[in-house]
């Protein structure tokens, strides 16, 4: 693979992302959560998602991060176009809901 390109329905992605963060706060009893997904062209190895949680117990923090990334991948209207070295491009399906 030569790179990635993410595109999104931004308004809906932000709205649904906020719901995911709020659900994670309640579900795992977190003190704070922040999550972001990059949009645009990325090189192989670039970070595309960041998730930060604050909680009194690391186990819940790790579980929360795992749950949040799974929900982001399943629920946000963000699409990934993979660019291959030989010039081929291919859309990767990620969203299973909506």
N, C-alpha and C. Protein backbone atom coordinates (compact mmCIF):
# COMPACT_ATOMS: atom_id res chain seq x y z
N UNK A 1 0.85 -1.17 0.00
CA UNK A 1 0.00 0.00 0.00
C UNK A 1 0.90 1.24 0.00
N UNK A 2 0.43 2.25 -0.68
CA UNK A 2 1.19 3.48 -0.85
C UNK A 2 0.65 4.63 0.03
N UNK A 3 -0.61 4.54 0.45
CA UNK A 3 -1.21 5.59 1.26
C UNK A 3 -2.68 5.36 1.47
N UNK A 4 -3.30 6.23 2.22
CA UNK A 4 -4.72 6.17 2.54
C UNK A 4 -5.35 7.54 2.36
N UNK A 5 -6.62 7.53 2.07
CA UNK A 5 -7.36 8.78 1.98
C UNK A 5 -8.69 8.59 2.69
N UNK A 6 -8.94 9.39 3.71
CA UNK A 6 -10.20 9.32 4.45
C UNK A 6 -11.10 10.48 4.04
N UNK A 7 -12.37 10.17 3.85
CA UNK A 7 -13.37 11.21 3.62
C UNK A 7 -14.55 10.93 4.55
N UNK A 8 -15.35 11.97 4.80
CA UNK A 8 -16.42 11.82 5.79
C UNK A 8 -17.60 12.71 5.47
N UNK A 9 -18.73 12.32 6.00
CA UNK A 9 -19.90 13.19 6.09
C UNK A 9 -19.72 13.88 7.44
N UNK A 10 -19.03 15.01 7.44
CA UNK A 10 -18.52 15.64 8.66
C UNK A 10 -19.57 15.94 9.72
N UNK A 11 -20.67 16.54 9.34
CA UNK A 11 -21.70 16.91 10.33
C UNK A 11 -22.20 15.69 11.08
N UNK A 12 -22.50 14.63 10.35
CA UNK A 12 -23.01 13.42 10.98
C UNK A 12 -21.90 12.72 11.77
N UNK A 13 -20.68 12.74 11.27
CA UNK A 13 -19.56 12.10 11.97
C UNK A 13 -19.32 12.77 13.33
N UNK A 14 -19.36 14.09 13.37
CA UNK A 14 -19.16 14.81 14.64
C UNK A 14 -20.31 14.50 15.60
N UNK A 15 -21.52 14.55 15.10
CA UNK A 15 -22.69 14.28 15.94
C UNK A 15 -22.64 12.86 16.52
N UNK A 16 -22.35 11.88 15.68
CA UNK A 16 -22.30 10.49 16.14
C UNK A 16 -21.08 10.26 17.02
N UNK A 17 -19.98 10.93 16.71
CA UNK A 17 -18.78 10.82 17.54
C UNK A 17 -19.02 11.31 18.96
N UNK A 18 -19.76 12.39 19.08
CA UNK A 18 -20.10 12.91 20.42
C UNK A 18 -20.95 11.90 21.19
N UNK A 19 -21.87 11.24 20.49
CA UNK A 19 -22.69 10.21 21.13
C UNK A 19 -21.82 9.06 21.64
N UNK A 20 -20.87 8.65 20.83
CA UNK A 20 -19.97 7.55 21.23
C UNK A 20 -19.19 7.94 22.48
N UNK A 21 -18.65 9.15 22.50
CA UNK A 21 -17.89 9.62 23.66
C UNK A 21 -18.78 9.66 24.90
N UNK A 22 -19.98 10.19 24.77
CA UNK A 22 -20.91 10.25 25.91
C UNK A 22 -21.27 8.85 26.39
N UNK A 23 -21.54 7.92 25.47
CA UNK A 23 -21.86 6.55 25.85
C UNK A 23 -20.68 5.89 26.56
N UNK A 24 -19.47 6.14 26.08
CA UNK A 24 -18.27 5.59 26.70
C UNK A 24 -18.07 6.11 28.12
N UNK A 25 -18.34 7.40 28.32
CA UNK A 25 -18.23 8.01 29.65
C UNK A 25 -19.12 7.26 30.65
N UNK A 26 -20.36 7.04 30.26
CA UNK A 26 -21.33 6.38 31.14
C UNK A 26 -21.00 4.90 31.30
N UNK A 27 -20.79 4.23 30.20
CA UNK A 27 -20.57 2.78 30.19
C UNK A 27 -19.37 2.36 31.05
N UNK A 28 -18.28 3.15 31.01
CA UNK A 28 -17.05 2.78 31.70
C UNK A 28 -16.74 3.66 32.90
N UNK A 29 -17.63 4.59 33.24
CA UNK A 29 -17.43 5.46 34.39
C UNK A 29 -16.17 6.31 34.27
N UNK A 30 -15.96 6.87 33.09
CA UNK A 30 -14.75 7.64 32.82
C UNK A 30 -14.85 9.06 33.35
N UNK A 31 -13.70 9.64 33.67
CA UNK A 31 -13.65 11.02 34.11
C UNK A 31 -13.63 11.98 32.92
N UNK A 32 -12.99 11.57 31.84
CA UNK A 32 -12.90 12.39 30.63
C UNK A 32 -12.58 11.49 29.43
N UNK A 33 -13.02 11.94 28.26
CA UNK A 33 -12.73 11.22 27.01
C UNK A 33 -12.53 12.25 25.91
N UNK A 34 -11.58 11.94 25.02
CA UNK A 34 -11.40 12.74 23.82
C UNK A 34 -11.04 11.78 22.70
N UNK A 35 -11.67 11.96 21.54
CA UNK A 35 -11.39 11.10 20.39
C UNK A 35 -11.42 11.95 19.13
N UNK A 36 -10.55 11.62 18.19
CA UNK A 36 -10.51 12.33 16.91
C UNK A 36 -10.09 11.37 15.81
N UNK A 37 -10.67 11.56 14.64
CA UNK A 37 -10.32 10.77 13.46
C UNK A 37 -9.87 11.73 12.37
N UNK A 38 -8.70 11.49 11.81
CA UNK A 38 -8.18 12.37 10.76
C UNK A 38 -8.93 12.13 9.45
N UNK A 39 -9.01 13.18 8.66
CA UNK A 39 -9.62 13.16 7.34
C UNK A 39 -8.57 13.68 6.35
N UNK A 40 -8.59 13.13 5.15
CA UNK A 40 -7.64 13.57 4.15
C UNK A 40 -6.65 12.46 3.81
N UNK A 41 -5.55 12.84 3.17
CA UNK A 41 -4.55 11.89 2.70
C UNK A 41 -3.51 11.64 3.78
N UNK A 42 -3.24 10.37 4.04
CA UNK A 42 -2.24 9.97 5.02
C UNK A 42 -1.25 9.02 4.38
N UNK A 43 -0.04 9.03 4.87
CA UNK A 43 0.97 8.08 4.45
C UNK A 43 0.83 6.80 5.27
N UNK A 44 1.36 5.71 4.75
CA UNK A 44 1.36 4.47 5.51
C UNK A 44 2.11 4.71 6.82
N UNK A 45 1.51 4.29 7.92
CA UNK A 45 2.13 4.47 9.23
C UNK A 45 1.66 5.69 9.98
N UNK A 46 1.00 6.63 9.29
CA UNK A 46 0.46 7.81 9.98
C UNK A 46 -0.70 7.39 10.89
N UNK A 47 -0.81 8.03 12.03
CA UNK A 47 -1.94 7.77 12.93
C UNK A 47 -3.20 8.37 12.33
N UNK A 48 -4.29 7.60 12.33
CA UNK A 48 -5.55 8.11 11.79
C UNK A 48 -6.56 8.40 12.89
N UNK A 49 -6.40 7.79 14.05
CA UNK A 49 -7.34 7.97 15.16
C UNK A 49 -6.56 8.16 16.45
N UNK A 50 -7.04 9.08 17.30
CA UNK A 50 -6.50 9.21 18.65
C UNK A 50 -7.67 9.12 19.62
N UNK A 51 -7.47 8.35 20.68
CA UNK A 51 -8.47 8.23 21.73
C UNK A 51 -7.75 8.42 23.06
N UNK A 52 -8.24 9.34 23.87
CA UNK A 52 -7.67 9.59 25.19
C UNK A 52 -8.77 9.43 26.22
N UNK A 53 -8.47 8.70 27.28
CA UNK A 53 -9.44 8.55 28.37
C UNK A 53 -8.75 8.84 29.69
N UNK A 54 -9.51 9.36 30.64
CA UNK A 54 -9.03 9.57 32.00
C UNK A 54 -9.95 8.79 32.93
N UNK A 55 -9.35 7.94 33.73
CA UNK A 55 -10.11 7.11 34.66
C UNK A 55 -9.20 6.70 35.81
N UNK A 56 -9.79 6.31 36.90
CA UNK A 56 -9.02 5.91 38.06
C UNK A 56 -8.39 4.54 37.94
N UNK A 57 -8.83 3.75 36.96
CA UNK A 57 -8.33 2.38 36.82
C UNK A 57 -7.95 2.09 35.38
N UNK A 58 -6.74 1.63 35.18
CA UNK A 58 -6.23 1.43 33.83
C UNK A 58 -7.01 0.38 33.05
N UNK A 59 -7.50 -0.67 33.72
CA UNK A 59 -8.27 -1.71 33.03
C UNK A 59 -9.49 -1.14 32.33
N UNK A 60 -10.24 -0.32 33.04
CA UNK A 60 -11.41 0.31 32.45
C UNK A 60 -11.01 1.25 31.31
N UNK A 61 -9.87 1.91 31.47
CA UNK A 61 -9.38 2.80 30.42
C UNK A 61 -9.09 2.04 29.13
N UNK A 62 -8.41 0.90 29.24
CA UNK A 62 -8.11 0.10 28.05
C UNK A 62 -9.38 -0.45 27.42
N UNK A 63 -10.29 -0.95 28.26
CA UNK A 63 -11.57 -1.45 27.75
C UNK A 63 -12.34 -0.35 27.04
N UNK A 64 -12.34 0.83 27.62
CA UNK A 64 -13.06 1.96 27.02
C UNK A 64 -12.46 2.32 25.67
N UNK A 65 -11.15 2.38 25.57
CA UNK A 65 -10.51 2.70 24.29
C UNK A 65 -10.86 1.66 23.23
N UNK A 66 -10.82 0.40 23.60
CA UNK A 66 -11.17 -0.68 22.66
C UNK A 66 -12.61 -0.53 22.19
N UNK A 67 -13.52 -0.27 23.13
CA UNK A 67 -14.93 -0.12 22.77
C UNK A 67 -15.13 1.10 21.88
N UNK A 68 -14.49 2.22 22.22
CA UNK A 68 -14.65 3.45 21.44
C UNK A 68 -14.15 3.27 20.02
N UNK A 69 -12.99 2.66 19.81
CA UNK A 69 -12.50 2.49 18.44
C UNK A 69 -13.41 1.56 17.65
N UNK A 70 -13.93 0.53 18.28
CA UNK A 70 -14.87 -0.36 17.59
C UNK A 70 -16.14 0.39 17.19
N UNK A 71 -16.64 1.25 18.06
CA UNK A 71 -17.84 2.03 17.76
C UNK A 71 -17.56 3.05 16.66
N UNK A 72 -16.40 3.68 16.70
CA UNK A 72 -16.02 4.63 15.64
C UNK A 72 -16.03 3.93 14.29
N UNK A 73 -15.40 2.76 14.23
CA UNK A 73 -15.30 2.03 12.96
C UNK A 73 -16.68 1.56 12.47
N UNK A 74 -17.57 1.25 13.41
CA UNK A 74 -18.88 0.73 13.03
C UNK A 74 -19.90 1.83 12.72
N UNK A 75 -19.80 2.98 13.39
CA UNK A 75 -20.89 3.95 13.34
C UNK A 75 -20.62 5.25 12.60
N UNK A 76 -19.37 5.65 12.48
CA UNK A 76 -19.10 6.95 11.85
C UNK A 76 -19.10 6.86 10.33
N UNK A 77 -19.70 7.85 9.68
CA UNK A 77 -19.69 7.89 8.21
C UNK A 77 -18.35 8.42 7.69
N UNK A 78 -17.33 7.59 7.86
CA UNK A 78 -15.98 7.89 7.39
C UNK A 78 -15.57 6.75 6.47
N UNK A 79 -15.07 7.10 5.30
CA UNK A 79 -14.71 6.09 4.31
C UNK A 79 -13.22 6.15 4.01
N UNK A 80 -12.64 4.96 3.78
CA UNK A 80 -11.20 4.87 3.54
C UNK A 80 -10.93 4.38 2.12
N UNK A 81 -10.12 5.13 1.40
CA UNK A 81 -9.68 4.77 0.06
C UNK A 81 -8.20 4.40 0.15
N UNK A 82 -7.88 3.14 -0.13
CA UNK A 82 -6.50 2.69 -0.08
C UNK A 82 -5.84 2.89 -1.43
N UNK A 83 -4.64 3.46 -1.42
CA UNK A 83 -3.86 3.68 -2.63
C UNK A 83 -2.71 2.66 -2.63
N UNK A 84 -2.62 1.86 -3.70
CA UNK A 84 -1.60 0.83 -3.77
C UNK A 84 -0.44 1.28 -4.66
N UNK A 85 0.72 0.68 -4.43
CA UNK A 85 1.95 1.05 -5.12
C UNK A 85 1.79 0.97 -6.63
N UNK A 86 1.08 -0.04 -7.12
CA UNK A 86 0.93 -0.22 -8.57
C UNK A 86 -0.09 0.75 -9.19
N UNK A 87 -0.65 1.65 -8.38
CA UNK A 87 -1.56 2.66 -8.89
C UNK A 87 -3.04 2.37 -8.67
N UNK A 88 -3.36 1.17 -8.29
CA UNK A 88 -4.75 0.79 -8.03
C UNK A 88 -5.26 1.48 -6.76
N UNK A 89 -6.55 1.83 -6.75
CA UNK A 89 -7.21 2.41 -5.58
C UNK A 89 -8.41 1.54 -5.24
N UNK A 90 -8.69 1.39 -3.94
CA UNK A 90 -9.81 0.55 -3.53
C UNK A 90 -10.46 1.10 -2.27
N UNK A 91 -11.80 1.26 -2.32
CA UNK A 91 -12.54 1.69 -1.14
C UNK A 91 -12.67 0.52 -0.18
N UNK A 92 -12.46 0.80 1.10
CA UNK A 92 -12.57 -0.23 2.12
C UNK A 92 -13.83 0.06 2.93
N UNK A 93 -14.70 -0.93 3.00
CA UNK A 93 -15.94 -0.76 3.77
C UNK A 93 -15.61 -0.90 5.25
N UNK A 94 -16.12 0.02 6.06
CA UNK A 94 -15.87 -0.04 7.48
C UNK A 94 -17.13 0.15 8.27
N UNK A 95 -18.01 1.00 7.79
CA UNK A 95 -19.23 1.33 8.50
C UNK A 95 -20.26 0.23 8.29
N UNK A 96 -20.81 -0.30 9.37
CA UNK A 96 -21.78 -1.36 9.27
C UNK A 96 -23.19 -0.88 9.64
N UNK A 97 -23.29 0.33 10.16
CA UNK A 97 -24.59 0.86 10.55
C UNK A 97 -24.85 2.16 9.80
N UNK A 98 -26.03 2.70 9.88
CA UNK A 98 -26.49 3.95 9.27
C UNK A 98 -27.14 3.73 7.95
